[in-house]
Amino acid sequence: MPIDLYYMDVSAPCRAVMMTAKLIGVELNMKMTNLMAGEHMKPEFLAINPQHNVPTVDDNGFYLNESRAICAYLINQYAKDDTLYPKEPKVRALVDQRLYFDMGVLYQKFGLVYYPVIMGGATKLSESAIKDLAGAIDFLETFLSKTTYAAGDHLTIADVALVASVATIEAVDKTHLDNHPKIQKWLETCKAEIPDYQELNQKGADMFGQWAQGALAKLESA
């Protein structure tokens, strides 16, 4: 039976799950969950995820949220091999480190720049947050100076998570990637290698970019 995925297209973490499922041939039953309309606060959703966030999956009564945990679960449970999430301890540790970097550094720093304006009513971007985001992007450039992919010499779920974030950053303001040739090359490689990339990731990233740019335009006209 297909796995239920509660999601929004604009969410980079949701798109990471969608790409991972596609890479291993797992069928998803897509359940659009509009956070802006409060659908994540309905009792039936709270019953499966008290944190009321997306993505959330329901795999025949097994409920899980946090995109990177979901991606790892899908590989462990359903992938034909461990290519996307290698079992060798040191290789997996590097993949895990990049996943934690995506969650706790890169995507977090991105959110601290734009979410206050998009959803929090802030009247300007934080210069210190912009500087922190630039530093996080520099870290990724450094990682990619050592390996072709985020955690080695082939695609893993670390790349999938990071490409969802980086595509979103690029869609909001592509100048964030200026002077980062390693990231730009890696991003194009991932776009070509991930099946149905345009539909699964770019479309949602562009939607987020338009949303952010609309909020920023209001600041400029104020």
Foldseek 3Di string as FASTA:
>chain_A
DAKEWEDDLLDLLSLLLVLLCQVQVGHYDYDYADVVVVSLVDPVNCVQPVVSDDGWIQDPNDIDHDSVVSSVVCCVPGHPACVQQDPPVVLNVLLVVLVCLLVPQQLVLVCQQQVCLLPVVDLHGDPVSLVSNLVSLVVQLVCLVVALANRHPDHHSSRSSVLLRVLLVCLQPVCSCPPRVSVVVSNVVVCVPGPPSCPSGNVSSNVSNVSRVVSVVVSVVD
